Amino acid sequence: MAYVSFEDLEVWKRACRLAVEICSLMRDSREYTLKDQMSRSAISIASNIAEGAERGSNAEFIRFLNIAKGSAAELRTQLYIASKLGAIIPEDKASLLISEVKEISNMLQGLIRSKQ
């Protein structure tokens, strides 16, 4: 089934939920640089899906989906770092979030393939 708007895409919905969770988890962190980077990369995933969908061409959509995948890779890296710092995000919670980011990346890759 074709989508009418980016809001219909399950990958966008999951990316939004992930961004909310990351921002909530990091809200009280005193690791300001990491907090800022993680919030930005998490928000960037959903934002790039939306922006690409609204561009009006498959080529642009694919380009922004690839940017979203890059932001997902950034976030995974930041989650690994945050979990090693321990006090920011416990390793078990980071592991669950990393799994979710990997699933979102796989969904993005599937969407890219479907648009080529």
PDB file of N, CA and C in Angstrom:
ATOM      1  N   MET A   1       0.841  -1.181   0.000  1.00  0.00           N
ATOM      2  CA  MET A   1       0.000   0.000   0.000  1.00  0.00           C
ATOM      3  C   MET A   1       0.888   1.247   0.000  1.00  0.00           C
ATOM      4  N   ALA A   2       0.598   2.154  -0.895  1.00  0.00           N
ATOM      5  CA  ALA A   2       1.356   3.393  -0.984  1.00  0.00           C
ATOM      6  C   ALA A   2       0.951   4.315   0.169  1.00  0.00           C
ATOM      7  N   TYR A   3       1.897   5.108   0.598  1.00  0.00           N
ATOM      8  CA  TYR A   3       1.587   6.031   1.678  1.00  0.00           C
ATOM      9  C   TYR A   3       1.143   7.371   1.109  1.00  0.00           C
ATOM     10  N   VAL A   4       0.373   8.088   1.892  1.00  0.00           N
ATOM     11  CA  VAL A   4      -0.100   9.407   1.492  1.00  0.00           C
ATOM     12  C   VAL A   4       0.826  10.481   2.058  1.00  0.00           C
ATOM     13  N   SER A   5       1.322  10.245   3.258  1.00  0.00           N
ATOM     14  CA  SER A   5       2.175  11.211   3.933  1.00  0.00           C
ATOM     15  C   SER A   5       3.234  10.472   4.753  1.00  0.00           C
ATOM     16  N   PHE A   6       4.308  11.161   5.070  1.00  0.00           N
ATOM     17  CA  PHE A   6       5.356  10.529   5.874  1.00  0.00           C
ATOM     18  C   PHE A   6       4.823  10.054   7.217  1.00  0.00           C
ATOM     19  N   GLU A   7       3.759  10.696   7.718  1.00  0.00           N
ATOM     20  CA  GLU A   7       3.172  10.289   8.992  1.00  0.00           C
ATOM     21  C   GLU A   7       2.599   8.866   8.941  1.00  0.00           C
ATOM     22  N   ASP A   8       2.377   8.353   7.734  1.00  0.00           N
ATOM     23  CA  ASP A   8       1.866   6.989   7.562  1.00  0.00           C
ATOM     24  C   ASP A   8       2.965   5.938   7.622  1.00  0.00           C
ATOM     25  N   LEU A   9       4.211   6.362   7.545  1.00  0.00           N
ATOM     26  CA  LEU A   9       5.332   5.415   7.497  1.00  0.00           C
ATOM     27  C   LEU A   9       5.658   4.901   8.899  1.00  0.00           C
ATOM     28  N   GLU A  10       5.656   3.589   9.054  1.00  0.00           N
ATOM     29  CA  GLU A  10       5.983   2.986  10.354  1.00  0.00           C
ATOM     30  C   GLU A  10       7.395   3.358  10.793  1.00  0.00           C
ATOM     31  N   VAL A  11       8.326   3.450   9.854  1.00  0.00           N
ATOM     32  CA  VAL A  11       9.699   3.794  10.209  1.00  0.00           C
ATOM     33  C   VAL A  11       9.765   5.206  10.780  1.00  0.00           C
ATOM     34  N   TRP A  12       8.975   6.128  10.258  1.00  0.00           N
ATOM     35  CA  TRP A  12       8.940   7.488  10.799  1.00  0.00           C
ATOM     36  C   TRP A  12       8.355   7.484  12.208  1.00  0.00           C
ATOM     37  N   LYS A  13       7.286   6.713  12.416  1.00  0.00           N
ATOM     38  CA  LYS A  13       6.661   6.625  13.739  1.00  0.00           C
ATOM     39  C   LYS A  13       7.647   6.081  14.772  1.00  0.00           C
ATOM     40  N   ARG A  14       8.351   5.028  14.393  1.00  0.00           N
ATOM     41  CA  ARG A  14       9.326   4.428  15.318  1.00  0.00           C
ATOM     42  C   ARG A  14      10.486   5.378  15.583  1.00  0.00           C
ATOM     43  N   ALA A  15      10.923   6.093  14.553  1.00  0.00           N
ATOM     44  CA  ALA A  15      12.005   7.059  14.731  1.00  0.00           C
ATOM     45  C   ALA A  15      11.576   8.193  15.660  1.00  0.00           C
ATOM     46  N   CYS A  16      10.332   8.622  15.563  1.00  0.00           N
ATOM     47  CA  CYS A  16       9.824   9.652  16.474  1.00  0.00           C
ATOM     48  C   CYS A  16       9.790   9.147  17.907  1.00  0.00           C
ATOM     49  N   ARG A  17       9.302   7.934  18.099  1.00  0.00           N
ATOM     50  CA  ARG A  17       9.268   7.366  19.457  1.00  0.00           C
ATOM     51  C   ARG A  17      10.680   7.257  20.026  1.00  0.00           C
ATOM     52  N   LEU A  18      11.617   6.840  19.186  1.00  0.00           N
ATOM     53  CA  LEU A  18      13.007   6.729  19.618  1.00  0.00           C
ATOM     54  C   LEU A  18      13.554   8.098  20.025  1.00  0.00           C
ATOM     55  N   ALA A  19      13.298   9.125  19.236  1.00  0.00           N
ATOM     56  CA  ALA A  19      13.781  10.471  19.551  1.00  0.00           C
ATOM     57  C   ALA A  19      13.229  10.953  20.888  1.00  0.00           C
ATOM     58  N   VAL A  20      11.948  10.707  21.124  1.00  0.00           N
ATOM     59  CA  VAL A  20      11.342  11.107  22.390  1.00  0.00           C
ATOM     60  C   VAL A  20      12.009  10.367  23.552  1.00  0.00           C
ATOM     61  N   GLU A  21      12.249   9.075  23.368  1.00  0.00           N
ATOM     62  CA  GLU A  21      12.879   8.287  24.428  1.00  0.00           C
ATOM     63  C   GLU A  21      14.303   8.760  24.719  1.00  0.00           C
ATOM     64  N   ILE A  22      15.065   9.018  23.674  1.00  0.00           N
ATOM     65  CA  ILE A  22      16.443   9.486  23.856  1.00  0.00           C
ATOM     66  C   ILE A  22      16.447  10.839  24.560  1.00  0.00           C
ATOM     67  N   CYS A  23      15.626  11.755  24.099  1.00  0.00           N
ATOM     68  CA  CYS A  23      15.592  13.085  24.716  1.00  0.00           C
ATOM     69  C   CYS A  23      15.162  12.996  26.173  1.00  0.00           C
ATOM     70  N   SER A  24      14.213  12.130  26.470  1.00  0.00           N
ATOM     71  CA  SER A  24      13.766  11.950  27.851  1.00  0.00           C
ATOM     72  C   SER A  24      14.869  11.357  28.719  1.00  0.00           C
ATOM     73  N   LEU A  25      15.552  10.341  28.203  1.00  0.00           N
ATOM     74  CA  LEU A  25      16.633   9.709  28.954  1.00  0.00           C
ATOM     75  C   LEU A  25      17.782  10.671  29.242  1.00  0.00           C
ATOM     76  N   MET A  26      18.054  11.540  28.306  1.00  0.00           N
ATOM     77  CA  MET A  26      19.200  12.428  28.422  1.00  0.00           C
ATOM     78  C   MET A  26      18.862  13.754  29.097  1.00  0.00           C
ATOM     79  N   ARG A  27      17.610  13.966  29.395  1.00  0.00           N
ATOM     80  CA  ARG A  27      17.148  15.259  29.917  1.00  0.00           C
ATOM     81  C   ARG A  27      17.998  15.772  31.086  1.00  0.00           C
ATOM     82  N   ASP A  28      18.308  14.918  32.036  1.00  0.00           N
ATOM     83  CA  ASP A  28      19.018  15.352  33.237  1.00  0.00           C
ATOM     84  C   ASP A  28      20.525  15.093  33.197  1.00  0.00           C
ATOM     85  N   SER A  29      21.023  14.653  32.054  1.00  0.00           N
ATOM     86  CA  SER A  29      22.444  14.338  31.948  1.00  0.00           C
ATOM     87  C   SER A  29      23.290  15.608  32.041  1.00  0.00           C
ATOM     88  N   ARG A  30      24.425  15.465  32.726  1.00  0.00           N
ATOM     89  CA  ARG A  30      25.371  16.580  32.819  1.00  0.00           C
ATOM     90  C   ARG A  30      26.474  16.439  31.767  1.00  0.00           C
ATOM     91  N   GLU A  31      26.393  15.393  30.972  1.00  0.00           N
ATOM     92  CA  GLU A  31      27.333  15.203  29.854  1.00  0.00           C
ATOM     93  C   GLU A  31      26.772  15.989  28.667  1.00  0.00           C
ATOM     94  N   TYR A  32      26.926  17.307  28.727  1.00  0.00           N
ATOM     95  CA  TYR A  32      26.217  18.198  27.816  1.00  0.00           C
ATOM     96  C   TYR A  32      26.534  17.966  26.344  1.00  0.00           C
ATOM     97  N   THR A  33      27.772  17.701  26.037  1.00  0.00           N
ATOM     98  CA  THR A  33      28.140  17.489  24.633  1.00  0.00           C
ATOM     99  C   THR A  33      27.486  16.224  24.093  1.00  0.00           C
ATOM    100  N   LEU A  34      27.605  15.137  24.833  1.00  0.00           N
ATOM    101  CA  LEU A  34      27.013  13.871  24.398  1.00  0.00           C
ATOM    102  C   LEU A  34      25.485  13.970  24.365  1.00  0.00           C
ATOM    103  N   LYS A  35      24.920  14.614  25.360  1.00  0.00           N
ATOM    104  CA  LYS A  35      23.462  14.825  25.425  1.00  0.00           C
ATOM    105  C   LYS A  35      22.982  15.559  24.167  1.00  0.00           C
ATOM    106  N   ASP A  36      23.687  16.622  23.804  1.00  0.00           N
ATOM    107  CA  ASP A  36      23.320  17.408  22.625  1.00  0.00           C
ATOM    108  C   ASP A  36      23.455  16.584  21.348  1.00  0.00           C
ATOM    109  N   GLN A  37      24.565  15.875  21.213  1.00  0.00           N
ATOM    110  CA  GLN A  37      24.790  15.062  20.017  1.00  0.00           C
ATOM    111  C   GLN A  37      23.751  13.953  19.883  1.00  0.00           C
ATOM    112  N   MET A  38      23.461  13.283  20.988  1.00  0.00           N
ATOM    113  CA  MET A  38      22.492  12.187  20.938  1.00  0.00           C
ATOM    114  C   MET A  38      21.096  12.702  20.611  1.00  0.00           C
ATOM    115  N   SER A  39      20.710  13.802  21.207  1.00  0.00           N
ATOM    116  CA  SER A  39      19.393  14.378  20.917  1.00  0.00           C
ATOM    117  C   SER A  39      19.303  14.788  19.451  1.00  0.00           C
ATOM    118  N   ARG A  40      20.354  15.428  18.963  1.00  0.00           N
ATOM    119  CA  ARG A  40      20.347  15.880  17.569  1.00  0.00           C
ATOM    120  C   ARG A  40      20.298  14.711  16.585  1.00  0.00           C
ATOM    121  N   SER A  41      21.101  13.689  16.819  1.00  0.00           N
ATOM    122  CA  SER A  41      21.103  12.568  15.871  1.00  0.00           C
ATOM    123  C   SER A  41      19.789  11.799  15.937  1.00  0.00           C
ATOM    124  N   ALA A  42      19.211  11.646  17.125  1.00  0.00           N
ATOM    125  CA  ALA A  42      17.927  10.946  17.244  1.00  0.00           C
ATOM    126  C   ALA A  42      16.824  11.717  16.531  1.00  0.00           C
ATOM    127  N   ILE A  43      16.793  13.017  16.741  1.00  0.00           N
ATOM    128  CA  ILE A  43      15.773  13.854  16.091  1.00  0.00           C
ATOM    129  C   ILE A  43      15.988  13.880  14.586  1.00  0.00           C
ATOM    130  N   SER A  44      17.230  13.839  14.171  1.00  0.00           N
ATOM    131  CA  SER A  44      17.571  13.901  12.751  1.00  0.00           C
ATOM    132  C   SER A  44      17.028  12.707  11.955  1.00  0.00           C
ATOM    133  N   ILE A  45      16.938  11.551  12.575  1.00  0.00           N
ATOM    134  CA  ILE A  45      16.452  10.370  11.852  1.00  0.00           C
ATOM    135  C   ILE A  45      15.038  10.625  11.342  1.00  0.00           C
ATOM    136  N   ALA A  46      14.118  10.929  12.255  1.00  0.00           N
ATOM    137  CA  ALA A  46      12.724  11.167  11.862  1.00  0.00           C
ATOM    138  C   ALA A  46      12.601  12.400  10.963  1.00  0.00           C
ATOM    139  N   SER A  47      13.363  13.435  11.274  1.00  0.00           N
ATOM    140  CA  SER A  47      13.280  14.680  10.499  1.00  0.00           C
ATOM    141  C   SER A  47      13.691  14.475   9.047  1.00  0.00           C
ATOM    142  N   ASN A  48      14.749  13.694   8.820  1.00  0.00           N
ATOM    143  CA  ASN A  48      15.193  13.455   7.446  1.00  0.00           C
ATOM    144  C   ASN A  48      14.241  12.564   6.668  1.00  0.00           C
ATOM    145  N   ILE A  49      13.597  11.635   7.350  1.00  0.00           N
ATOM    146  CA  ILE A  49      12.558  10.835   6.682  1.00  0.00           C
ATOM    147  C   ILE A  49      11.453  11.766   6.197  1.00  0.00           C
ATOM    148  N   ALA A  50      11.004  12.648   7.077  1.00  0.00           N
ATOM    149  CA  ALA A  50       9.928  13.581   6.732  1.00  0.00           C
ATOM    150  C   ALA A  50      10.346  14.523   5.609  1.00  0.00           C
ATOM    151  N   GLU A  51      11.530  15.104   5.732  1.00  0.00           N
ATOM    152  CA  GLU A  51      11.977  16.055   4.717  1.00  0.00           C
ATOM    153  C   GLU A  51      12.101  15.391   3.346  1.00  0.00           C
ATOM    154  N   GLY A  52      12.696  14.213   3.324  1.00  0.00           N
ATOM    155  CA  GLY A  52      12.841  13.514   2.052  1.00  0.00           C
ATOM    156  C   GLY A  52      11.515  13.157   1.413  1.00  0.00           C
ATOM    157  N   ALA A  53      10.562  12.741   2.239  1.00  0.00           N
ATOM    158  CA  ALA A  53       9.241  12.369   1.720  1.00  0.00           C
ATOM    159  C   ALA A  53       8.532  13.556   1.089  1.00  0.00           C
ATOM    160  N   GLU A  54       8.803  14.736   1.615  1.00  0.00           N
ATOM    161  CA  GLU A  54       8.137  15.939   1.109  1.00  0.00           C
ATOM    162  C   GLU A  54       8.843  16.581  -0.072  1.00  0.00           C
ATOM    163  N   ARG A  55       9.979  16.053  -0.473  1.00  0.00           N
ATOM    164  CA  ARG A  55      10.747  16.644  -1.563  1.00  0.00           C
ATOM    165  C   ARG A  55      10.138  16.408  -2.943  1.00  0.00           C
ATOM    166  N   GLY A  56       9.317  15.382  -3.063  1.00  0.00           N
ATOM    167  CA  GLY A  56       8.593  15.194  -4.320  1.00  0.00           C
ATOM    168  C   GLY A  56       9.282  14.358  -5.381  1.00  0.00           C
ATOM    169  N   SER A  57      10.421  13.765  -5.077  1.00  0.00           N
ATOM    170  CA  SER A  57      11.043  12.873  -6.056  1.00  0.00           C
ATOM    171  C   SER A  57      11.669  11.701  -5.321  1.00  0.00           C
ATOM    172  N   ASN A  58      11.694  10.559  -5.991  1.00  0.00           N
ATOM    173  CA  ASN A  58      12.310   9.375  -5.393  1.00  0.00           C
ATOM    174  C   ASN A  58      13.789   9.602  -5.103  1.00  0.00           C
ATOM    175  N   ALA A  59      14.476  10.272  -6.023  1.00  0.00           N
ATOM    176  CA  ALA A  59      15.911  10.506  -5.829  1.00  0.00           C
ATOM    177  C   ALA A  59      16.168  11.315  -4.556  1.00  0.00           C
ATOM    178  N   GLU A  60      15.396  12.352  -4.339  1.00  0.00           N
ATOM    179  CA  GLU A  60      15.550  13.163  -3.134  1.00  0.00           C
ATOM    180  C   GLU A  60      15.145  12.376  -1.888  1.00  0.00           C
ATOM    181  N   PHE A  61      14.076  11.608  -2.007  1.00  0.00           N
ATOM    182  CA  PHE A  61      13.632  10.800  -0.871  1.00  0.00           C
ATOM    183  C   PHE A  61      14.733   9.821  -0.474  1.00  0.00           C
ATOM    184  N   ILE A  62      15.308   9.140  -1.453  1.00  0.00           N
ATOM    185  CA  ILE A  62      16.392   8.188  -1.191  1.00  0.00           C
ATOM    186  C   ILE A  62      17.586   8.901  -0.561  1.00  0.00           C
ATOM    187  N   ARG A  63      17.909  10.066  -1.060  1.00  0.00           N
ATOM    188  CA  ARG A  63      19.034  10.833  -0.508  1.00  0.00           C
ATOM    189  C   ARG A  63      18.822  11.112   0.983  1.00  0.00           C
ATOM    190  N   PHE A  64      17.622  11.558   1.341  1.00  0.00           N
ATOM    191  CA  PHE A  64      17.340  11.876   2.742  1.00  0.00           C
ATOM    192  C   PHE A  64      17.199  10.621   3.598  1.00  0.00           C
ATOM    193  N   LEU A  65      16.741   9.531   3.011  1.00  0.00           N
ATOM    194  CA  LEU A  65      16.713   8.272   3.763  1.00  0.00           C
ATOM    195  C   LEU A  65      18.128   7.819   4.097  1.00  0.00           C
ATOM    196  N   ASN A  66      19.050   8.030   3.166  1.00  0.00           N
ATOM    197  CA  ASN A  66      20.455   7.708   3.437  1.00  0.00           C
ATOM    198  C   ASN A  66      21.040   8.615   4.519  1.00  0.00           C
ATOM    199  N   ILE A  67      20.646   9.869   4.528  1.00  0.00           N
ATOM    200  CA  ILE A  67      21.083  10.775   5.591  1.00  0.00           C
ATOM    201  C   ILE A  67      20.527  10.292   6.930  1.00  0.00           C
ATOM    202  N   ALA A  68      19.261   9.859   6.937  1.00  0.00           N
ATOM    203  CA  ALA A  68      18.653   9.327   8.159  1.00  0.00           C
ATOM    204  C   ALA A  68      19.415   8.097   8.644  1.00  0.00           C
ATOM    205  N   LYS A  69      19.842   7.234   7.714  1.00  0.00           N
ATOM    206  CA  LYS A  69      20.651   6.068   8.097  1.00  0.00           C
ATOM    207  C   LYS A  69      21.966   6.501   8.718  1.00  0.00           C
ATOM    208  N   GLY A  70      22.566   7.539   8.186  1.00  0.00           N
ATOM    209  CA  GLY A  70      23.799   8.062   8.762  1.00  0.00           C
ATOM    210  C   GLY A  70      23.585   8.575  10.181  1.00  0.00           C
ATOM    211  N   SER A  71      22.473   9.252  10.400  1.00  0.00           N
ATOM    212  CA  SER A  71      22.149   9.726  11.750  1.00  0.00           C
ATOM    213  C   SER A  71      21.912   8.557  12.693  1.00  0.00           C
ATOM    214  N   ALA A  72      21.325   7.486  12.189  1.00  0.00           N
ATOM    215  CA  ALA A  72      21.107   6.288  13.009  1.00  0.00           C
ATOM    216  C   ALA A  72      22.451   5.670  13.407  1.00  0.00           C
ATOM    217  N   ALA A  73      23.396   5.658  12.488  1.00  0.00           N
ATOM    218  CA  ALA A  73      24.726   5.128  12.806  1.00  0.00           C
ATOM    219  C   ALA A  73      25.419   6.006  13.849  1.00  0.00           C
ATOM    220  N   GLU A  74      25.259   7.314  13.723  1.00  0.00           N
ATOM    221  CA  GLU A  74      25.805   8.228  14.737  1.00  0.00           C
ATOM    222  C   GLU A  74      25.208   7.924  16.104  1.00  0.00           C
ATOM    223  N   LEU A  75      23.889   7.776  16.144  1.00  0.00           N
ATOM    224  CA  LEU A  75      23.216   7.526  17.412  1.00  0.00           C
ATOM    225  C   LEU A  75      23.670   6.205  18.026  1.00  0.00           C
ATOM    226  N   ARG A  76      23.819   5.173  17.202  1.00  0.00           N
ATOM    227  CA  ARG A  76      24.313   3.890  17.729  1.00  0.00           C
ATOM    228  C   ARG A  76      25.676   4.065  18.381  1.00  0.00           C
ATOM    229  N   THR A  77      26.556   4.778  17.717  1.00  0.00           N
ATOM    230  CA  THR A  77      27.885   5.029  18.261  1.00  0.00           C
ATOM    231  C   THR A  77      27.786   5.765  19.591  1.00  0.00           C
ATOM    232  N   GLN A  78      26.951   6.776  19.645  1.00  0.00           N
ATOM    233  CA  GLN A  78      26.781   7.557  20.866  1.00  0.00           C
ATOM    234  C   GLN A  78      26.174   6.720  21.989  1.00  0.00           C
ATOM    235  N   LEU A  79      25.295   5.798  21.644  1.00  0.00           N
ATOM    236  CA  LEU A  79      24.724   4.902  22.654  1.00  0.00           C
ATOM    237  C   LEU A  79      25.789   3.970  23.235  1.00  0.00           C
ATOM    238  N   TYR A  80      26.691   3.473  22.373  1.00  0.00           N
ATOM    239  CA  TYR A  80      27.795   2.648  22.863  1.00  0.00           C
ATOM    240  C   TYR A  80      28.644   3.448  23.853  1.00  0.00           C
ATOM    241  N   ILE A  81      28.949   4.681  23.498  1.00  0.00           N
ATOM    242  CA  ILE A  81      29.762   5.532  24.369  1.00  0.00           C
ATOM    243  C   ILE A  81      29.022   5.815  25.676  1.00  0.00           C
ATOM    244  N   ALA A  82      27.748   6.185  25.579  1.00  0.00           N
ATOM    245  CA  ALA A  82      26.958   6.497  26.776  1.00  0.00           C
ATOM    246  C   ALA A  82      26.865   5.294  27.702  1.00  0.00           C
ATOM    247  N   SER A  83      26.729   4.107  27.134  1.00  0.00           N
ATOM    248  CA  SER A  83      26.628   2.912  27.980  1.00  0.00           C
ATOM    249  C   SER A  83      27.950   2.621  28.688  1.00  0.00           C
ATOM    250  N   LYS A  84      29.063   2.910  28.037  1.00  0.00           N
ATOM    251  CA  LYS A  84      30.369   2.700  28.672  1.00  0.00           C
ATOM    252  C   LYS A  84      30.603   3.702  29.791  1.00  0.00           C
ATOM    253  N   LEU A  85      29.966   4.857  29.702  1.00  0.00           N
ATOM    254  CA  LEU A  85      30.076   5.840  30.776  1.00  0.00           C
ATOM    255  C   LEU A  85      29.177   5.465  31.952  1.00  0.00           C
ATOM    256  N   GLY A  86      28.291   4.507  31.734  1.00  0.00           N
ATOM    257  CA  GLY A  86      27.499   3.904  32.804  1.00  0.00           C
ATOM    258  C   GLY A  86      26.455   4.772  33.453  1.00  0.00           C
ATOM    259  N   ALA A  87      26.846   5.889  33.970  1.00  0.00           N
ATOM    260  CA  ALA A  87      25.908   6.722  34.712  1.00  0.00           C
ATOM    261  C   ALA A  87      24.874   7.372  33.797  1.00  0.00           C
ATOM    262  N   ILE A  88      25.168   7.486  32.533  1.00  0.00           N
ATOM    263  CA  ILE A  88      24.245   8.152  31.623  1.00  0.00           C
ATOM    264  C   ILE A  88      23.112   7.217  31.221  1.00  0.00           C
ATOM    265  N   ILE A  89      23.453   6.101  30.611  1.00  0.00           N
ATOM    266  CA  ILE A  89      22.469   5.100  30.202  1.00  0.00           C
ATOM    267  C   ILE A  89      23.011   3.737  30.608  1.00  0.00           C
ATOM    268  N   PRO A  90      22.265   2.993  31.400  1.00  0.00           N
ATOM    269  CA  PRO A  90      22.723   1.649  31.774  1.00  0.00           C
ATOM    270  C   PRO A  90      22.909   0.768  30.538  1.00  0.00           C
ATOM    271  N   GLU A  91      23.862  -0.141  30.592  1.00  0.00           N
ATOM    272  CA  GLU A  91      24.187  -0.975  29.439  1.00  0.00           C
ATOM    273  C   GLU A  91      22.991  -1.766  28.917  1.00  0.00           C
ATOM    274  N   ASP A  92      22.133  -2.282  29.810  1.00  0.00           N
ATOM    275  CA  ASP A  92      20.982  -3.059  29.343  1.00  0.00           C
ATOM    276  C   ASP A  92      19.999  -2.183  28.572  1.00  0.00           C
ATOM    277  N   LYS A  93      19.779  -0.951  29.025  1.00  0.00           N
ATOM    278  CA  LYS A  93      18.888  -0.023  28.322  1.00  0.00           C
ATOM    279  C   LYS A  93      19.513   0.401  26.995  1.00  0.00           C
ATOM    280  N   ALA A  94      20.812   0.672  27.008  1.00  0.00           N
ATOM    281  CA  ALA A  94      21.505   1.043  25.774  1.00  0.00           C
ATOM    282  C   ALA A  94      21.414  -0.075  24.753  1.00  0.00           C
ATOM    283  N   SER A  95      21.539  -1.311  25.208  1.00  0.00           N
ATOM    284  CA  SER A  95      21.451  -2.462  24.310  1.00  0.00           C
ATOM    285  C   SER A  95      20.088  -2.536  23.624  1.00  0.00           C
ATOM    286  N   LEU A  96      19.032  -2.291  24.383  1.00  0.00           N
ATOM    287  CA  LEU A  96      17.678  -2.276  23.794  1.00  0.00           C
ATOM    288  C   LEU A  96      17.531  -1.148  22.772  1.00  0.00           C
ATOM    289  N   LEU A  97      18.064   0.011  23.104  1.00  0.00           N
ATOM    290  CA  LEU A  97      17.986   1.148  22.187  1.00  0.00           C
ATOM    291  C   LEU A  97      18.812   0.903  20.926  1.00  0.00           C
ATOM    292  N   ILE A  98      19.976   0.310  21.089  1.00  0.00           N
ATOM    293  CA  ILE A  98      20.813  -0.015  19.928  1.00  0.00           C
ATOM    294  C   ILE A  98      20.077  -0.989  19.008  1.00  0.00           C
ATOM    295  N   SER A  99      19.400  -1.964  19.582  1.00  0.00           N
ATOM    296  CA  SER A  99      18.615  -2.911  18.770  1.00  0.00           C
ATOM    297  C   SER A  99      17.513  -2.187  18.001  1.00  0.00           C
ATOM    298  N   GLU A 100      16.859  -1.246  18.658  1.00  0.00           N
ATOM    299  CA  GLU A 100      15.805  -0.485  17.981  1.00  0.00           C
ATOM    300  C   GLU A 100      16.385   0.359  16.854  1.00  0.00           C
ATOM    301  N   VAL A 101      17.523   0.991  17.078  1.00  0.00           N
ATOM    302  CA  VAL A 101      18.149   1.793  16.031  1.00  0.00           C
ATOM    303  C   VAL A 101      18.546   0.905  14.848  1.00  0.00           C
ATOM    304  N   LYS A 102      19.054  -0.284  15.121  1.00  0.00           N
ATOM    305  CA  LYS A 102      19.407  -1.214  14.039  1.00  0.00           C
ATOM    306  C   LYS A 102      18.171  -1.607  13.232  1.00  0.00           C
ATOM    307  N   GLU A 103      17.060  -1.851  13.918  1.00  0.00           N
ATOM    308  CA  GLU A 103      15.821  -2.194  13.210  1.00  0.00           C
ATOM    309  C   GLU A 103      15.353  -1.033  12.342  1.00  0.00           C
ATOM    310  N   ILE A 104      15.438   0.172  12.873  1.00  0.00           N
ATOM    311  CA  ILE A 104      15.058   1.352  12.090  1.00  0.00           C
ATOM    312  C   ILE A 104      15.963   1.489  10.875  1.00  0.00           C
ATOM    313  N   SER A 105      17.254   1.262  11.045  1.00  0.00           N
ATOM    314  CA  SER A 105      18.188   1.309   9.905  1.00  0.00           C
ATOM    315  C   SER A 105      17.824   0.273   8.850  1.00  0.00           C
ATOM    316  N   ASN A 106      17.465  -0.923   9.284  1.00  0.00           N
ATOM    317  CA  ASN A 106      17.041  -1.964   8.332  1.00  0.00           C
ATOM    318  C   ASN A 106      15.757  -1.562   7.613  1.00  0.00           C
ATOM    319  N   MET A 107      14.842  -0.948   8.338  1.00  0.00           N
ATOM    320  CA  MET A 107      13.603  -0.472   7.710  1.00  0.00           C
ATOM    321  C   MET A 107      13.905   0.620   6.680  1.00  0.00           C
ATOM    322  N   LEU A 108      14.821   1.503   7.021  1.00  0.00           N
ATOM    323  CA  LEU A 108      15.212   2.551   6.073  1.00  0.00           C
ATOM    324  C   LEU A 108      15.835   1.951   4.819  1.00  0.00           C
ATOM    325  N   GLN A 109      16.695   0.941   5.004  1.00  0.00           N
ATOM    326  CA  GLN A 109      17.304   0.293   3.847  1.00  0.00           C
ATOM    327  C   GLN A 109      16.249  -0.378   2.976  1.00  0.00           C
ATOM    328  N   GLY A 110      15.273  -1.010   3.593  1.00  0.00           N
ATOM    329  CA  GLY A 110      14.182  -1.615   2.841  1.00  0.00           C
ATOM    330  C   GLY A 110      13.393  -0.578   2.068  1.00  0.00           C
ATOM    331  N   LEU A 111      13.149   0.564   2.675  1.00  0.00           N
ATOM    332  CA  LEU A 111      12.427   1.643   1.990  1.00  0.00           C
ATOM    333  C   LEU A 111      13.258   2.195   0.836  1.00  0.00           C
ATOM    334  N   ILE A 112      14.553   2.320   1.045  1.00  0.00           N
ATOM    335  CA  ILE A 112      15.440   2.775  -0.036  1.00  0.00           C
ATOM    336  C   ILE A 112      15.347   1.803  -1.210  1.00  0.00           C
ATOM    337  N   ARG A 113      15.452   0.508  -0.923  1.00  0.00           N
ATOM    338  CA  ARG A 113      15.376  -0.499  -2.002  1.00  0.00           C
ATOM    339  C   ARG A 113      14.034  -0.410  -2.749  1.00  0.00           C
ATOM    340  N   SER A 114      12.972  -0.180  -2.009  1.00  0.00           N
ATOM    341  CA  SER A 114      11.650  -0.125  -2.647  1.00  0.00           C
ATOM    342  C   SER A 114      11.473   1.096  -3.543  1.00  0.00           C
ATOM    343  N   LYS A 115      12.279   2.123  -3.311  1.00  0.00           N
ATOM    344  CA  LYS A 115      12.181   3.362  -4.087  1.00  0.00           C
ATOM    345  C   LYS A 115      13.128   3.400  -5.282  1.00  0.00           C
ATOM    346  N   GLN A 116      14.037   2.420  -5.378  1.00  0.00           N
ATOM    347  CA  GLN A 116      15.014   2.430  -6.476  1.00  0.00           C
ATOM    348  C   GLN A 116      14.447   1.814  -7.723  1.00  0.00           C
TER     349      GLN A 116
END
